[in-house]
Amino acid sequence: MNFLQNFKTYFKRVKQPISKAAEAKPIEKETKLYMAIFLGAGAVFSILSGLIEALYWPFSIIGIIGIIIGLYFGLMLYAISRVKARLANLTCNKCGNSLNNGEYASWQEISRRWQDSNSNNYAETKLYVTVEITCTCPNCGEKKTFKETLCSGKIRVTNNAIKDNLVSTQKLVDDYFNGLIHA
């Protein structure tokens, strides 16, 4: 019963903001459990669909749905890991104070990398920017430097249109300090 109650409230709890990486551990553990359950159930039902011919379609559908939901929890796990890394970056190593205030930080763009993909219908490229951020703790004066690679956006070209949603590096860094990670 506790499992079902936790699952019902999971999506409300995962939306709650956290201020320290340690606060994410319980939800991360729970996400891993749900991912394993759904991927496992999806795999079992997919295998059973091949073994029991009379139940091929229902078991195949249940298997596919289980795998898709399991992959969703995998994406959630990735997002949680990114948030934890951000919080660890923005925590003073000396006194544990939050470095979340961009006023005490400076940044420098280190590199840019374009990642291309295409098909018969379109060509697309994403811009990844690596920035080096140096924060000074307002509490103890300790300096902390780290690098972060963020996605600045993409350009998509089709036969009929060109669309882009690139943002400036300054906007990427401002969003990073405000809790939005462009991955």
C-alpha atoms as a PDB file:
ATOM      1  CA  MET A   1       0.000   0.000   0.000  1.00  0.00           C
ATOM      2  CA  ASN A   2       2.858   2.366   0.797  1.00  0.00           C
ATOM      3  CA  PHE A   3       4.270   1.802  -2.711  1.00  0.00           C
ATOM      4  CA  LEU A   4       1.002   2.874  -4.370  1.00  0.00           C
ATOM      5  CA  GLN A   5       0.663   5.923  -2.140  1.00  0.00           C
ATOM      6  CA  ASN A   6       4.245   6.963  -2.908  1.00  0.00           C
ATOM      7  CA  PHE A   7       3.667   6.475  -6.627  1.00  0.00           C
ATOM      8  CA  LYS A   8       0.482   8.581  -6.513  1.00  0.00           C
ATOM      9  CA  THR A   9       2.329  11.487  -4.901  1.00  0.00           C
ATOM     10  CA  TYR A  10       5.596  11.048  -6.824  1.00  0.00           C
ATOM     11  CA  PHE A  11       4.856  13.644  -9.502  1.00  0.00           C
ATOM     12  CA  LYS A  12       3.862  16.265  -6.919  1.00  0.00           C
ATOM     13  CA  ARG A  13       7.007  15.603  -4.891  1.00  0.00           C
ATOM     14  CA  VAL A  14       9.357  15.661  -7.882  1.00  0.00           C
ATOM     15  CA  LYS A  15       8.127  19.177  -8.770  1.00  0.00           C
ATOM     16  CA  GLN A  16       9.045  20.526  -5.321  1.00  0.00           C
ATOM     17  CA  PRO A  17      12.153  22.720  -5.479  1.00  0.00           C
ATOM     18  CA  ILE A  18      15.220  21.523  -3.600  1.00  0.00           C
ATOM     19  CA  SER A  19      18.022  23.649  -2.239  1.00  0.00           C
ATOM     20  CA  LYS A  20      20.675  20.988  -1.532  1.00  0.00           C
ATOM     21  CA  ALA A  21      21.840  17.950  -3.455  1.00  0.00           C
ATOM     22  CA  ALA A  22      21.198  15.707  -0.428  1.00  0.00           C
ATOM     23  CA  GLU A  23      17.477  16.545  -0.610  1.00  0.00           C
ATOM     24  CA  ALA A  24      17.325  14.874  -4.031  1.00  0.00           C
ATOM     25  CA  LYS A  25      18.570  11.468  -2.830  1.00  0.00           C
ATOM     26  CA  PRO A  26      15.172  10.027  -1.745  1.00  0.00           C
ATOM     27  CA  ILE A  27      13.418  11.047  -4.968  1.00  0.00           C
ATOM     28  CA  GLU A  28      16.399   9.794  -6.997  1.00  0.00           C
ATOM     29  CA  LYS A  29      16.225   6.417  -5.250  1.00  0.00           C
ATOM     30  CA  GLU A  30      12.477   6.235  -5.852  1.00  0.00           C
ATOM     31  CA  THR A  31      12.927   7.161  -9.522  1.00  0.00           C
ATOM     32  CA  LYS A  32      15.473   4.350  -9.959  1.00  0.00           C
ATOM     33  CA  LEU A  33      12.997   1.915  -8.397  1.00  0.00           C
ATOM     34  CA  TYR A  34      10.147   2.955 -10.719  1.00  0.00           C
ATOM     35  CA  MET A  35      12.440   2.831 -13.740  1.00  0.00           C
ATOM     36  CA  ALA A  36      13.555  -0.707 -12.843  1.00  0.00           C
ATOM     37  CA  ILE A  37       9.986  -1.860 -12.201  1.00  0.00           C
ATOM     38  CA  PHE A  38       8.577  -0.523 -15.470  1.00  0.00           C
ATOM     39  CA  LEU A  39      11.529  -1.599 -17.618  1.00  0.00           C
ATOM     40  CA  GLY A  40      11.485  -5.035 -15.980  1.00  0.00           C
ATOM     41  CA  ALA A  41       7.733  -5.451 -16.385  1.00  0.00           C
ATOM     42  CA  GLY A  42       7.957  -4.241 -19.979  1.00  0.00           C
ATOM     43  CA  ALA A  43      10.701  -6.755 -20.740  1.00  0.00           C
ATOM     44  CA  VAL A  44       8.799  -9.618 -19.054  1.00  0.00           C
ATOM     45  CA  PHE A  45       5.565  -8.876 -20.918  1.00  0.00           C
ATOM     46  CA  SER A  46       7.470  -8.511 -24.200  1.00  0.00           C
ATOM     47  CA  ILE A  47       9.093 -11.903 -23.688  1.00  0.00           C
ATOM     48  CA  LEU A  48       5.776 -13.467 -22.675  1.00  0.00           C
ATOM     49  CA  SER A  49       4.121 -12.069 -25.801  1.00  0.00           C
ATOM     50  CA  GLY A  50       6.536 -14.121 -27.870  1.00  0.00           C
ATOM     51  CA  LEU A  51       5.987 -17.268 -25.814  1.00  0.00           C
ATOM     52  CA  ILE A  52       2.192 -17.191 -25.458  1.00  0.00           C
ATOM     53  CA  GLU A  53       0.764 -16.800 -28.929  1.00  0.00           C
ATOM     54  CA  ALA A  54      -2.848 -16.295 -27.796  1.00  0.00           C
ATOM     55  CA  LEU A  55      -1.838 -13.244 -25.710  1.00  0.00           C
ATOM     56  CA  TYR A  56       0.601 -11.761 -28.218  1.00  0.00           C
ATOM     57  CA  TRP A  57      -1.144  -8.393 -28.775  1.00  0.00           C
ATOM     58  CA  PRO A  58      -2.196  -7.579 -25.183  1.00  0.00           C
ATOM     59  CA  PHE A  59       1.190  -8.598 -23.766  1.00  0.00           C
ATOM     60  CA  SER A  60       3.045  -6.746 -26.544  1.00  0.00           C
ATOM     61  CA  ILE A  61       1.117  -3.554 -25.846  1.00  0.00           C
ATOM     62  CA  ILE A  62       1.647  -3.850 -22.085  1.00  0.00           C
ATOM     63  CA  GLY A  63       5.350  -4.543 -22.698  1.00  0.00           C
ATOM     64  CA  ILE A  64       5.778  -1.532 -24.956  1.00  0.00           C
ATOM     65  CA  ILE A  65       3.924   0.743 -22.527  1.00  0.00           C
ATOM     66  CA  GLY A  66       6.067  -0.530 -19.642  1.00  0.00           C
ATOM     67  CA  ILE A  67       9.267   0.127 -21.552  1.00  0.00           C
ATOM     68  CA  ILE A  68       8.130   3.631 -22.579  1.00  0.00           C
ATOM     69  CA  ILE A  69       7.234   4.513 -18.977  1.00  0.00           C
ATOM     70  CA  GLY A  70      10.562   3.062 -17.811  1.00  0.00           C
ATOM     71  CA  LEU A  71      12.396   5.254 -20.318  1.00  0.00           C
ATOM     72  CA  TYR A  72      10.451   8.268 -19.024  1.00  0.00           C
ATOM     73  CA  PHE A  73      11.755   7.534 -15.522  1.00  0.00           C
ATOM     74  CA  GLY A  74      15.237   7.248 -17.057  1.00  0.00           C
ATOM     75  CA  LEU A  75      14.859  10.787 -18.402  1.00  0.00           C
ATOM     76  CA  MET A  76      13.675  11.921 -14.970  1.00  0.00           C
ATOM     77  CA  LEU A  77      16.782  10.324 -13.463  1.00  0.00           C
ATOM     78  CA  TYR A  78      18.961  12.242 -15.933  1.00  0.00           C
ATOM     79  CA  ALA A  79      17.215  15.506 -14.994  1.00  0.00           C
ATOM     80  CA  ILE A  80      17.701  14.788 -11.290  1.00  0.00           C
ATOM     81  CA  SER A  81      21.414  14.125 -11.840  1.00  0.00           C
ATOM     82  CA  ARG A  82      21.764  17.461 -13.679  1.00  0.00           C
ATOM     83  CA  VAL A  83      20.006  19.307 -10.847  1.00  0.00           C
ATOM     84  CA  LYS A  84      22.227  17.613  -8.255  1.00  0.00           C
ATOM     85  CA  ALA A  85      25.358  18.574 -10.209  1.00  0.00           C
ATOM     86  CA  ARG A  86      24.136  22.176 -10.473  1.00  0.00           C
ATOM     87  CA  LEU A  87      23.467  22.337  -6.741  1.00  0.00           C
ATOM     88  CA  ALA A  88      26.890  20.842  -5.969  1.00  0.00           C
ATOM     89  CA  ASN A  89      28.522  23.425  -8.256  1.00  0.00           C
ATOM     90  CA  LEU A  90      26.661  26.257  -6.548  1.00  0.00           C
ATOM     91  CA  THR A  91      27.568  25.256  -2.983  1.00  0.00           C
ATOM     92  CA  CYS A  92      30.656  26.621  -1.233  1.00  0.00           C
ATOM     93  CA  ASN A  93      33.133  23.829  -0.476  1.00  0.00           C
ATOM     94  CA  LYS A  94      34.398  25.618   2.631  1.00  0.00           C
ATOM     95  CA  CYS A  95      31.251  26.741   4.488  1.00  0.00           C
ATOM     96  CA  GLY A  96      28.398  25.073   2.569  1.00  0.00           C
ATOM     97  CA  ASN A  97      26.736  28.394   1.739  1.00  0.00           C
ATOM     98  CA  SER A  98      24.719  28.707  -1.464  1.00  0.00           C
ATOM     99  CA  LEU A  99      26.504  30.412  -4.353  1.00  0.00           C
ATOM    100  CA  ASN A 100      23.237  30.784  -6.245  1.00  0.00           C
ATOM    101  CA  ASN A 101      23.537  34.558  -6.523  1.00  0.00           C
ATOM    102  CA  GLY A 102      24.953  35.588  -9.882  1.00  0.00           C
ATOM    103  CA  GLU A 103      26.137  38.904  -8.401  1.00  0.00           C
ATOM    104  CA  TYR A 104      29.105  37.102  -6.824  1.00  0.00           C
ATOM    105  CA  ALA A 105      30.045  35.232  -9.984  1.00  0.00           C
ATOM    106  CA  SER A 106      31.924  35.808 -13.190  1.00  0.00           C
ATOM    107  CA  TRP A 107      31.970  33.622 -16.262  1.00  0.00           C
ATOM    108  CA  GLN A 108      33.987  33.108 -19.391  1.00  0.00           C
ATOM    109  CA  GLU A 109      33.001  31.232 -22.517  1.00  0.00           C
ATOM    110  CA  ILE A 110      35.555  28.471 -23.097  1.00  0.00           C
ATOM    111  CA  SER A 111      34.300  26.789 -26.268  1.00  0.00           C
ATOM    112  CA  ARG A 112      31.430  26.308 -28.688  1.00  0.00           C
ATOM    113  CA  ARG A 113      30.531  23.062 -30.407  1.00  0.00           C
ATOM    114  CA  TRP A 114      27.942  22.433 -33.110  1.00  0.00           C
ATOM    115  CA  GLN A 115      26.305  19.007 -33.242  1.00  0.00           C
ATOM    116  CA  ASP A 116      24.702  18.231 -36.595  1.00  0.00           C
ATOM    117  CA  SER A 117      21.921  15.808 -37.491  1.00  0.00           C
ATOM    118  CA  ASN A 118      19.845  15.447 -40.623  1.00  0.00           C
ATOM    119  CA  SER A 119      17.329  13.322 -42.465  1.00  0.00           C
ATOM    120  CA  ASN A 120      15.598  13.480 -45.835  1.00  0.00           C
ATOM    121  CA  ASN A 121      13.206  16.168 -44.579  1.00  0.00           C
ATOM    122  CA  TYR A 122      15.418  18.500 -42.554  1.00  0.00           C
ATOM    123  CA  ALA A 123      18.899  19.447 -41.368  1.00  0.00           C
ATOM    124  CA  GLU A 124      19.424  20.429 -37.756  1.00  0.00           C
ATOM    125  CA  THR A 125      22.327  21.640 -35.667  1.00  0.00           C
ATOM    126  CA  LYS A 126      22.554  22.282 -31.919  1.00  0.00           C
ATOM    127  CA  LEU A 127      24.975  24.695 -30.319  1.00  0.00           C
ATOM    128  CA  TYR A 128      26.671  23.616 -27.081  1.00  0.00           C
ATOM    129  CA  VAL A 129      28.557  26.278 -25.138  1.00  0.00           C
ATOM    130  CA  THR A 130      31.065  25.448 -22.407  1.00  0.00           C
ATOM    131  CA  VAL A 131      31.464  28.168 -19.817  1.00  0.00           C
ATOM    132  CA  GLU A 132      33.812  28.450 -16.885  1.00  0.00           C
ATOM    133  CA  ILE A 133      32.073  30.021 -13.915  1.00  0.00           C
ATOM    134  CA  THR A 134      33.930  31.441 -10.929  1.00  0.00           C
ATOM    135  CA  CYS A 135      31.876  32.134  -7.801  1.00  0.00           C
ATOM    136  CA  THR A 136      32.980  33.937  -4.667  1.00  0.00           C
ATOM    137  CA  CYS A 137      31.198  32.936  -1.480  1.00  0.00           C
ATOM    138  CA  PRO A 138      29.583  36.014   0.086  1.00  0.00           C
ATOM    139  CA  ASN A 139      29.869  34.324   3.496  1.00  0.00           C
ATOM    140  CA  CYS A 140      33.531  33.235   3.722  1.00  0.00           C
ATOM    141  CA  GLY A 141      35.146  34.645   0.543  1.00  0.00           C
ATOM    142  CA  GLU A 142      36.170  31.221  -0.831  1.00  0.00           C
ATOM    143  CA  LYS A 143      36.429  31.066  -4.634  1.00  0.00           C
ATOM    144  CA  LYS A 144      35.002  28.139  -6.571  1.00  0.00           C
ATOM    145  CA  THR A 145      35.517  27.538 -10.281  1.00  0.00           C
ATOM    146  CA  PHE A 146      33.717  24.958 -12.395  1.00  0.00           C
ATOM    147  CA  LYS A 147      32.876  24.286 -16.022  1.00  0.00           C
ATOM    148  CA  GLU A 148      29.417  23.614 -17.386  1.00  0.00           C
ATOM    149  CA  THR A 149      28.332  22.713 -20.923  1.00  0.00           C
ATOM    150  CA  LEU A 150      24.931  24.114 -21.832  1.00  0.00           C
ATOM    151  CA  CYS A 151      22.804  23.931 -24.968  1.00  0.00           C
ATOM    152  CA  SER A 152      22.329  27.354 -26.500  1.00  0.00           C
ATOM    153  CA  GLY A 153      19.589  26.122 -28.834  1.00  0.00           C
ATOM    154  CA  LYS A 154      19.227  24.740 -32.321  1.00  0.00           C
ATOM    155  CA  ILE A 155      18.770  25.713 -35.951  1.00  0.00           C
ATOM    156  CA  ARG A 156      16.477  23.580 -38.098  1.00  0.00           C
ATOM    157  CA  VAL A 157      16.321  23.909 -41.881  1.00  0.00           C
ATOM    158  CA  THR A 158      13.572  22.308 -43.982  1.00  0.00           C
ATOM    159  CA  ASN A 159      12.581  22.773 -47.605  1.00  0.00           C
ATOM    160  CA  ASN A 160      10.099  25.452 -46.544  1.00  0.00           C
ATOM    161  CA  ALA A 161      11.556  27.212 -43.525  1.00  0.00           C
ATOM    162  CA  ILE A 162      14.458  27.983 -41.263  1.00  0.00           C
ATOM    163  CA  LYS A 163      13.749  28.006 -37.521  1.00  0.00           C
ATOM    164  CA  ASP A 164      16.127  28.864 -34.746  1.00  0.00           C
ATOM    165  CA  ASN A 165      15.843  29.254 -31.006  1.00  0.00           C
ATOM    166  CA  LEU A 166      19.394  30.187 -30.031  1.00  0.00           C
ATOM    167  CA  VAL A 167      19.921  32.136 -26.819  1.00  0.00           C
ATOM    168  CA  SER A 168      22.927  34.164 -25.772  1.00  0.00           C
ATOM    169  CA  THR A 169      25.585  32.811 -23.449  1.00  0.00           C
ATOM    170  CA  GLN A 170      24.648  35.493 -20.903  1.00  0.00           C
ATOM    171  CA  LYS A 171      21.061  34.184 -20.904  1.00  0.00           C
ATOM    172  CA  LEU A 172      22.346  30.601 -20.455  1.00  0.00           C
ATOM    173  CA  VAL A 173      24.392  31.615 -17.410  1.00  0.00           C
ATOM    174  CA  ASP A 174      21.567  33.733 -15.946  1.00  0.00           C
ATOM    175  CA  ASP A 175      19.150  30.823 -16.386  1.00  0.00           C
ATOM    176  CA  TYR A 176      21.683  28.456 -14.785  1.00  0.00           C
ATOM    177  CA  PHE A 177      21.794  30.642 -11.659  1.00  0.00           C
ATOM    178  CA  ASN A 178      17.983  30.828 -11.679  1.00  0.00           C
ATOM    179  CA  GLY A 179      17.628  27.050 -11.766  1.00  0.00           C
ATOM    180  CA  LEU A 180      16.976  26.449 -15.478  1.00  0.00           C
ATOM    181  CA  ILE A 181      19.532  24.136 -17.055  1.00  0.00           C
ATOM    182  CA  HIS A 182      19.706  24.182 -20.845  1.00  0.00           C
ATOM    183  CA  ALA A 183      20.795  20.609 -21.556  1.00  0.00           C
END
